Amino acid sequence: MIEATDAAVVPVAAACLAWLWLLLARRGFWRAQPRIEEQRDPPPASWPMVVAIVPARDEAALLEATLGSLLAQNYPGELAIVLVDDHSADDTAALAQSLARAAPRPLEVLHAPPLPAGWSGKLWALACGVRHAGQVAPEAGYVLLTDADILHAPDNLARLVARAEAGRLDLVSLMVRLHCASFWERLLMPPFVFFFRLLYPFAAVNDPRSRVAAAAGGCLLVRRRALQDAGGIEAVRGALIDDVALARAIKRRPGGGRIWLGLTTATRSLRRYDTIGAIWAMVARTADVQLRHSLCLLGLTMLGLALTFIVPPLALLAGLARGEALLAGTGGLALGSMALAFWPTLRLYRLGPAWALTLPLAAVLFGAMTLDSAWRFRRGAGGRWKGRVMTPEI
């Protein structure tokens, strides 16, 4: 007859095996690599012209710093900037126009036309900016798609272009350093980055033989010809996870495309998430889209989160409380593997090792956000962002 303790060890042993597989067979997703600052790409023989497209909706509080960082780029080639005001209710357009008058580089401010059906607001703004750039700077070799909350390091564009030219890449994207100061940001932002890399291992993304494709939409440099061959922004116009959709379109276009996704600590987002509600809204907007609105995938995701992140600490505590060494030992082994995998991300965000013990709590919260996302989409309230709701059919 199977003892209760033996039965309890089974899921914990499964968790240990799951972490062994994640550490050894998931393309090293847990390593905080590659970082663009560590690339040693030679400068190109000639620096191609770049047009930066900045979609902005109600970004007046951040725009002076972020747009200023683009204008101040130490880029040896030509750089023109197009800011597309996405029907802001604040002084975004006026502030951008004021910066344009004293700008050391060409800066144009466009007003996006009314949003057509089937488009997300950000992608419509990007499409308008790309279309305008094609008219005023047809000679540009690259398009930089960047969010209005991104503070670019002075050499960021030069590094992006050098990486693209040296690797003959069609798309180079950076997961910038997210704002991580408040308690909720420290609890949830590093796990957010960790889970993203778990879903899309960067080594697989950067492997042209792999079909895994992903990008980080806050900072994305795309070769202009590759964007055109992939169908342009129009090809992903209804996507809520637009960066991944665009990377997939580039990598899987006829003839194939080479993409690269890396990390950076020098270029960062100024977007603050001081409350759990702000982070909850961000995750709930797209989590069910990631699961393709599938109840089966939702159930498997909840099971996977429970097995890999929740069972280990519970088993450790239960084993210690009952004096059951086998249960405590296997729970501790799985929890230690989890902490080992999470440590490089904590170092990336300059957080101490004690924060590794909060990863199970973060997993519980992200699981709840995912469930809420599924509920929102099924009652027609999914995809809400900055006052708009875009809900694809389920």
Protein backbone atom coordinates (compact mmCIF):
# COMPACT_ATOMS: atom_id res chain seq x y z
CA MET A 1 0.00 0.00 0.00
CA ILE A 2 1.33 3.45 -0.93
CA GLU A 3 2.04 5.67 2.09
CA ALA A 4 0.62 9.20 2.10
CA THR A 5 4.16 10.56 2.29
CA ASP A 6 5.20 8.58 -0.78
CA ALA A 7 2.22 9.91 -2.70
CA ALA A 8 3.09 13.47 -1.68
CA VAL A 9 6.65 13.06 -2.97
CA VAL A 10 5.44 12.19 -6.48
CA PRO A 11 4.45 15.74 -7.57
CA VAL A 12 7.56 17.17 -5.90
CA ALA A 13 9.75 14.71 -7.77
CA ALA A 14 7.95 15.76 -10.95
CA ALA A 15 8.75 19.39 -10.09
CA CYS A 16 12.44 18.47 -9.66
CA LEU A 17 12.45 16.78 -13.06
CA ALA A 18 10.71 19.80 -14.58
CA TRP A 19 13.38 22.13 -13.23
CA LEU A 20 16.13 19.81 -14.39
CA TRP A 21 14.67 19.95 -17.89
CA LEU A 22 14.26 23.73 -17.74
CA LEU A 23 17.85 24.25 -16.62
CA LEU A 24 19.42 21.87 -19.11
CA ALA A 25 17.13 21.66 -22.14
CA ARG A 26 15.42 25.02 -22.53
CA ARG A 27 18.26 26.67 -24.47
CA GLY A 28 19.70 28.34 -21.35
CA PHE A 29 16.70 30.69 -21.07
CA TRP A 30 17.59 31.46 -17.45
CA ARG A 31 20.92 33.07 -18.31
CA ALA A 32 20.64 36.85 -18.60
CA GLN A 33 22.20 36.73 -22.04
CA PRO A 34 22.94 37.96 -24.62
CA ARG A 35 23.50 41.60 -23.72
CA ILE A 36 24.15 44.11 -26.44
CA GLU A 37 26.76 45.93 -24.35
CA GLU A 38 28.88 42.76 -24.44
CA GLN A 39 28.74 42.40 -28.24
CA ARG A 40 31.92 43.37 -30.04
CA ASP A 41 30.53 44.21 -33.44
CA PRO A 42 32.82 46.18 -35.76
CA PRO A 43 31.47 49.48 -37.09
CA PRO A 44 30.09 49.21 -40.62
CA ALA A 45 32.04 50.67 -43.50
CA SER A 46 29.26 53.22 -43.95
CA TRP A 47 26.48 53.98 -41.50
CA PRO A 48 23.01 53.66 -43.10
CA MET A 49 20.30 56.22 -42.59
CA VAL A 50 17.75 55.36 -39.89
CA VAL A 51 14.24 56.69 -39.38
CA ALA A 52 12.89 56.36 -35.83
CA ILE A 53 9.12 56.04 -35.44
CA VAL A 54 7.72 56.92 -32.01
CA PRO A 55 4.01 56.26 -31.38
CA ALA A 56 2.85 58.38 -28.44
CA ARG A 57 -0.44 58.54 -26.59
CA ASP A 58 -0.61 60.71 -23.46
CA GLU A 59 3.16 60.65 -22.90
CA ALA A 60 3.79 64.31 -22.04
CA ALA A 61 5.20 63.43 -18.60
CA LEU A 62 8.03 61.37 -20.09
CA LEU A 63 8.53 62.77 -23.56
CA GLU A 64 11.09 65.48 -22.87
CA ALA A 65 13.52 62.91 -21.46
CA THR A 66 12.79 60.02 -23.84
CA LEU A 67 12.52 61.97 -27.08
CA GLY A 68 15.52 64.00 -25.99
CA SER A 69 17.54 60.78 -25.65
CA LEU A 70 16.76 59.94 -29.28
CA LEU A 71 17.72 63.40 -30.47
CA ALA A 72 21.01 63.13 -28.57
CA GLN A 73 22.10 59.79 -30.08
CA ASN A 74 25.79 59.48 -30.89
CA TYR A 75 25.00 57.97 -34.26
CA PRO A 76 27.54 58.60 -37.04
CA GLY A 77 24.95 58.26 -39.82
CA GLU A 78 21.78 60.17 -40.61
CA LEU A 79 18.89 59.87 -38.17
CA ALA A 80 15.43 61.32 -38.68
CA ILE A 81 12.64 61.01 -36.13
CA VAL A 82 8.89 60.87 -36.69
CA LEU A 83 6.65 61.12 -33.63
CA VAL A 84 3.05 60.06 -34.27
CA ASP A 85 0.60 61.53 -31.79
CA ASP A 86 -2.05 58.86 -31.19
CA HIS A 87 -4.98 61.12 -30.23
CA SER A 88 -3.44 62.21 -26.94
CA ALA A 89 -5.56 64.03 -24.40
CA ASP A 90 -2.55 65.77 -22.86
CA ASP A 91 0.21 68.03 -24.25
CA THR A 92 2.14 65.25 -26.02
CA ALA A 93 1.90 66.83 -29.49
CA ALA A 94 2.62 70.37 -28.29
CA LEU A 95 5.66 69.25 -26.31
CA ALA A 96 7.01 67.27 -29.26
CA GLN A 97 6.55 70.25 -31.57
CA SER A 98 8.40 72.42 -29.09
CA LEU A 99 11.29 69.96 -29.01
CA ALA A 100 11.28 69.81 -32.82
CA ARG A 101 11.91 73.54 -33.13
CA ALA A 102 15.21 73.24 -31.27
CA ALA A 103 16.11 69.71 -32.37
CA PRO A 104 19.65 68.99 -33.61
CA ARG A 105 18.19 66.33 -35.93
CA PRO A 106 15.09 66.24 -38.15
CA LEU A 107 12.00 65.67 -35.99
CA GLU A 108 8.50 65.67 -37.44
CA VAL A 109 5.26 65.45 -35.49
CA LEU A 110 2.31 63.72 -37.13
CA HIS A 111 -1.27 63.37 -35.96
CA ALA A 112 -2.65 59.90 -36.53
CA PRO A 113 -5.90 59.79 -38.53
CA PRO A 114 -8.96 58.19 -36.88
CA LEU A 115 -8.35 54.60 -35.87
CA PRO A 116 -9.72 52.14 -38.47
CA ALA A 117 -11.55 48.99 -37.43
CA GLY A 118 -9.31 46.00 -36.89
CA TRP A 119 -6.24 48.00 -35.87
CA SER A 120 -4.64 48.50 -32.47
CA GLY A 121 -3.87 52.14 -31.75
CA LYS A 122 -0.11 51.65 -31.46
CA LEU A 123 0.17 49.71 -34.72
CA TRP A 124 -1.96 52.26 -36.59
CA ALA A 125 0.35 55.02 -35.35
CA LEU A 126 3.40 52.99 -36.39
CA ALA A 127 1.93 52.30 -39.82
CA CYS A 128 1.25 56.01 -40.34
CA GLY A 129 4.82 56.83 -39.28
CA VAL A 130 6.38 54.18 -41.52
CA ARG A 131 4.28 55.34 -44.48
CA HIS A 132 5.35 58.95 -43.93
CA ALA A 133 8.99 57.92 -43.55
CA GLY A 134 8.81 56.16 -46.90
CA GLN A 135 7.80 59.44 -48.49
CA VAL A 136 10.30 61.77 -46.83
CA ALA A 137 13.28 59.41 -46.43
CA PRO A 138 13.05 56.62 -49.01
CA GLU A 139 16.81 56.10 -48.80
CA ALA A 140 16.70 54.98 -45.14
CA GLY A 141 18.04 51.46 -44.67
CA TYR A 142 16.50 50.83 -41.26
CA VAL A 143 13.44 51.78 -39.25
CA LEU A 144 13.68 52.06 -35.47
CA LEU A 145 10.34 51.36 -33.78
CA THR A 146 10.50 52.60 -30.23
CA ASP A 147 8.01 53.39 -27.48
CA ALA A 148 7.67 56.87 -26.09
CA ASP A 149 8.66 55.75 -22.58
CA ILE A 150 12.12 54.44 -23.59
CA LEU A 151 15.20 56.36 -22.45
CA HIS A 152 17.92 55.43 -24.94
CA ALA A 153 21.57 55.21 -23.97
CA PRO A 154 23.64 57.64 -26.07
CA ASP A 155 25.20 54.83 -28.15
CA ASN A 156 22.12 52.60 -28.33
CA LEU A 157 21.29 53.19 -32.00
CA ALA A 158 24.92 52.77 -33.06
CA ARG A 159 25.06 49.43 -31.23
CA LEU A 160 21.80 48.27 -32.81
CA VAL A 161 22.92 49.13 -36.33
CA ALA A 162 26.39 47.61 -35.82
CA ARG A 163 24.74 44.40 -34.56
CA ALA A 164 22.39 44.30 -37.56
CA GLU A 165 25.11 45.02 -40.11
CA ALA A 166 27.67 42.62 -38.64
CA GLY A 167 25.17 39.76 -38.39
CA ARG A 168 23.31 40.58 -41.59
CA LEU A 169 20.18 40.68 -39.46
CA ASP A 170 16.73 41.81 -40.54
CA LEU A 171 15.55 42.65 -37.04
CA VAL A 172 17.41 43.53 -33.85
CA SER A 173 15.42 44.03 -30.68
CA LEU A 174 16.27 44.80 -27.07
CA MET A 175 14.40 43.97 -23.91
CA VAL A 176 15.22 47.19 -22.11
CA ARG A 177 15.63 47.44 -18.36
CA LEU A 178 12.16 47.89 -16.91
CA HIS A 179 11.49 50.37 -14.11
CA CYS A 180 12.13 48.52 -10.86
CA ALA A 181 11.93 50.74 -7.78
CA SER A 182 8.62 50.19 -5.97
CA PHE A 183 7.82 47.05 -4.00
CA TRP A 184 5.42 45.77 -6.65
CA GLU A 185 7.93 46.41 -9.42
CA ARG A 186 10.62 44.49 -7.54
CA LEU A 187 8.24 41.64 -6.85
CA LEU A 188 6.83 41.32 -10.36
CA MET A 189 9.03 42.93 -13.01
CA PRO A 190 12.04 40.57 -12.79
CA PRO A 191 9.68 37.54 -12.91
CA PHE A 192 7.95 39.13 -15.91
CA VAL A 193 11.29 39.22 -17.74
CA PHE A 194 12.11 35.70 -16.51
CA PHE A 195 8.80 34.27 -17.76
CA PHE A 196 9.20 36.02 -21.12
CA ARG A 197 12.57 34.34 -21.61
CA LEU A 198 11.06 31.02 -20.52
CA LEU A 199 8.41 31.33 -23.22
CA TYR A 200 10.84 32.62 -25.84
CA PRO A 201 14.40 31.44 -25.11
CA PHE A 202 16.65 34.07 -26.66
CA ALA A 203 19.04 31.42 -28.00
CA ALA A 204 16.16 29.87 -29.94
CA VAL A 205 14.93 33.26 -31.16
CA ASN A 206 18.41 34.08 -32.46
CA ASP A 207 18.87 30.70 -34.15
CA PRO A 208 17.86 30.93 -37.84
CA ARG A 209 17.14 27.17 -37.82
CA SER A 210 14.52 27.58 -35.08
CA ARG A 211 10.94 28.70 -35.72
CA VAL A 212 10.81 30.47 -32.34
CA ALA A 213 10.41 34.19 -32.96
CA ALA A 214 10.03 37.08 -30.54
CA ALA A 215 10.95 40.72 -30.07
CA ALA A 216 10.56 43.44 -27.48
CA GLY A 217 8.49 46.21 -29.00
CA GLY A 218 9.93 49.01 -26.90
CA CYS A 219 13.15 49.03 -28.92
CA LEU A 220 13.13 47.31 -32.29
CA LEU A 221 15.36 48.02 -35.30
CA VAL A 222 14.12 46.47 -38.54
CA ARG A 223 15.69 46.45 -41.96
CA ARG A 224 13.36 48.41 -44.21
CA ARG A 225 13.36 45.93 -47.08
CA ALA A 226 12.62 43.04 -44.71
CA LEU A 227 9.66 44.95 -43.25
CA GLN A 228 8.28 45.53 -46.73
CA ASP A 229 8.78 41.88 -47.76
CA ALA A 230 6.95 40.72 -44.63
CA GLY A 231 3.90 42.83 -45.51
CA GLY A 232 4.71 45.88 -43.42
CA ILE A 233 2.94 46.86 -40.22
CA GLU A 234 -0.32 45.99 -41.99
CA ALA A 235 0.57 42.30 -41.74
CA VAL A 236 0.17 42.40 -37.94
CA ARG A 237 -2.39 45.21 -37.67
CA GLY A 238 -4.76 43.33 -35.34
CA ALA A 239 -2.12 41.78 -33.08
CA LEU A 240 -2.18 42.70 -29.40
CA ILE A 241 1.22 41.08 -28.84
CA ASP A 242 2.51 43.06 -31.79
CA ASP A 243 6.25 42.71 -31.18
CA VAL A 244 6.15 38.91 -31.23
CA ALA A 245 3.81 38.94 -34.23
CA LEU A 246 6.16 41.23 -36.18
CA ALA A 247 9.21 39.13 -35.31
CA ARG A 248 7.35 36.03 -36.48
CA ALA A 249 6.38 37.74 -39.74
CA ILE A 250 10.00 38.78 -40.36
CA LYS A 251 11.57 35.44 -39.47
CA ARG A 252 9.04 33.30 -41.35
CA ARG A 253 8.64 35.43 -44.44
CA PRO A 254 9.40 33.83 -47.85
CA GLY A 255 13.11 33.22 -48.01
CA GLY A 256 13.46 33.47 -44.24
CA GLY A 257 14.73 36.27 -42.05
CA ARG A 258 17.44 36.55 -39.41
CA ILE A 259 16.47 38.15 -36.10
CA TRP A 260 18.27 38.85 -32.83
CA LEU A 261 16.85 39.57 -29.40
CA GLY A 262 18.99 40.63 -26.48
CA LEU A 263 19.03 42.43 -23.16
CA THR A 264 20.34 45.82 -22.13
CA THR A 265 20.79 47.62 -18.85
CA ALA A 266 21.84 50.93 -20.40
CA THR A 267 18.61 51.64 -22.28
CA ARG A 268 15.60 51.57 -19.99
CA SER A 269 11.90 52.18 -19.68
CA LEU A 270 10.66 55.10 -17.60
CA ARG A 271 7.17 53.62 -17.36
CA ARG A 272 6.35 53.25 -13.67
CA TYR A 273 4.19 50.49 -12.22
CA ASP A 274 3.89 51.58 -8.62
CA THR A 275 0.74 49.56 -7.88
CA ILE A 276 -0.21 45.96 -8.46
CA GLY A 277 -3.25 47.22 -10.38
CA ALA A 278 -1.05 48.81 -13.05
CA ILE A 279 0.93 45.60 -13.55
CA TRP A 280 -2.25 43.54 -13.44
CA ALA A 281 -3.78 45.61 -16.27
CA MET A 282 -0.64 45.22 -18.39
CA VAL A 283 -0.58 41.42 -18.06
CA ALA A 284 -4.33 40.89 -18.30
CA ARG A 285 -4.38 42.83 -21.57
CA THR A 286 -2.52 40.11 -23.48
CA ALA A 287 -2.16 36.94 -21.39
CA ASP A 288 -5.19 35.20 -22.91
CA VAL A 289 -3.98 36.18 -26.39
CA GLN A 290 -0.69 34.42 -25.61
CA LEU A 291 -2.74 31.28 -24.87
CA ARG A 292 -4.67 31.70 -28.14
CA HIS A 293 -7.91 31.98 -26.11
CA SER A 294 -7.71 28.22 -25.49
CA LEU A 295 -9.24 26.83 -22.29
CA CYS A 296 -7.08 23.75 -22.71
CA LEU A 297 -3.87 25.83 -22.81
CA LEU A 298 -5.16 27.89 -19.89
CA GLY A 299 -5.63 24.75 -17.82
CA LEU A 300 -2.20 23.39 -18.75
CA THR A 301 -0.62 26.74 -17.88
CA MET A 302 -2.22 26.76 -14.44
CA LEU A 303 -1.09 23.18 -13.89
CA GLY A 304 2.44 24.01 -15.00
CA LEU A 305 2.65 27.06 -12.73
CA ALA A 306 1.40 25.02 -9.77
CA LEU A 307 3.81 22.14 -10.36
CA THR A 308 6.97 24.13 -11.00
CA PHE A 309 6.52 27.18 -8.76
CA ILE A 310 4.03 26.38 -5.99
CA VAL A 311 4.53 22.70 -5.15
CA PRO A 312 8.26 23.04 -4.20
CA PRO A 313 7.90 25.58 -1.34
CA LEU A 314 4.75 23.91 -0.05
CA ALA A 315 6.51 20.54 -0.03
CA LEU A 316 9.52 21.98 1.78
CA LEU A 317 7.37 23.58 4.47
CA ALA A 318 5.19 20.49 4.87
CA GLY A 319 8.22 18.22 5.09
CA LEU A 320 9.87 20.38 7.74
CA ALA A 321 6.64 20.65 9.73
CA ARG A 322 6.08 16.87 9.68
CA GLY A 323 9.69 15.88 10.06
CA GLU A 324 9.62 14.05 6.73
CA ALA A 325 13.11 14.31 5.31
CA LEU A 326 12.30 12.94 1.86
CA LEU A 327 9.48 15.40 1.28
CA ALA A 328 11.49 18.32 2.63
CA GLY A 329 14.57 17.30 0.66
CA THR A 330 12.85 17.00 -2.70
CA GLY A 331 10.95 20.24 -2.08
CA GLY A 332 14.19 21.99 -1.15
CA LEU A 333 15.94 20.62 -4.26
CA ALA A 334 13.19 21.92 -6.54
CA LEU A 335 13.12 25.28 -4.73
CA GLY A 336 16.90 25.56 -4.96
CA SER A 337 16.76 24.85 -8.69
CA MET A 338 14.15 27.59 -9.05
CA ALA A 339 16.32 30.07 -7.14
CA LEU A 340 19.37 29.11 -9.23
CA ALA A 341 17.46 29.74 -12.45
CA PHE A 342 16.10 33.08 -11.20
CA TRP A 343 19.41 34.41 -9.84
CA PRO A 344 20.81 35.85 -13.14
CA THR A 345 17.62 37.88 -13.59
CA LEU A 346 17.85 39.20 -10.03
CA ARG A 347 21.45 40.23 -10.68
CA LEU A 348 20.33 41.98 -13.86
CA TYR A 349 17.97 44.07 -11.72
CA ARG A 350 20.48 44.46 -8.87
CA LEU A 351 18.30 42.66 -6.35
CA GLY A 352 19.57 40.43 -3.56
CA PRO A 353 19.23 36.63 -3.46
CA ALA A 354 16.42 36.79 -0.88
CA TRP A 355 14.10 37.96 -3.65
CA ALA A 356 14.40 34.49 -5.20
CA LEU A 357 12.09 33.23 -2.45
CA THR A 358 9.33 35.52 -3.74
CA LEU A 359 9.16 33.87 -7.17
CA PRO A 360 6.40 31.41 -6.08
CA LEU A 361 4.28 34.36 -4.91
CA ALA A 362 4.89 36.15 -8.20
CA ALA A 363 3.83 32.98 -10.06
CA VAL A 364 0.58 32.87 -8.07
CA LEU A 365 -0.14 36.50 -8.95
CA PHE A 366 0.69 36.03 -12.63
CA GLY A 367 -1.55 32.97 -12.66
CA ALA A 368 -4.39 35.04 -11.23
CA MET A 369 -3.77 37.75 -13.83
CA THR A 370 -3.90 35.13 -16.57
CA LEU A 371 -7.22 33.77 -15.29
CA ASP A 372 -8.57 37.31 -15.12
CA SER A 373 -7.39 37.93 -18.68
CA ALA A 374 -9.34 34.89 -19.88
CA TRP A 375 -12.44 36.12 -18.07
CA ARG A 376 -12.11 39.65 -19.51
CA PHE A 377 -11.83 38.42 -23.07
CA ARG A 378 -14.82 36.16 -22.71
CA ARG A 379 -17.01 39.00 -21.56
CA GLY A 380 -15.76 41.36 -24.26
CA ALA A 381 -13.52 43.54 -22.10
CA GLY A 382 -10.10 42.18 -23.06
CA GLY A 383 -7.29 44.09 -24.71
CA ARG A 384 -7.98 47.31 -22.78
CA TRP A 385 -5.16 49.85 -22.86
CA LYS A 386 -5.22 53.63 -22.38
CA GLY A 387 -8.97 53.92 -22.74
CA ARG A 388 -9.35 51.60 -25.72
CA VAL A 389 -10.62 48.04 -25.91
CA MET A 390 -9.66 45.78 -28.77
CA THR A 391 -10.95 42.24 -28.45
CA PRO A 392 -10.20 39.77 -31.23
CA GLU A 393 -12.80 37.11 -31.84
CA ILE A 394 -12.49 34.01 -29.66
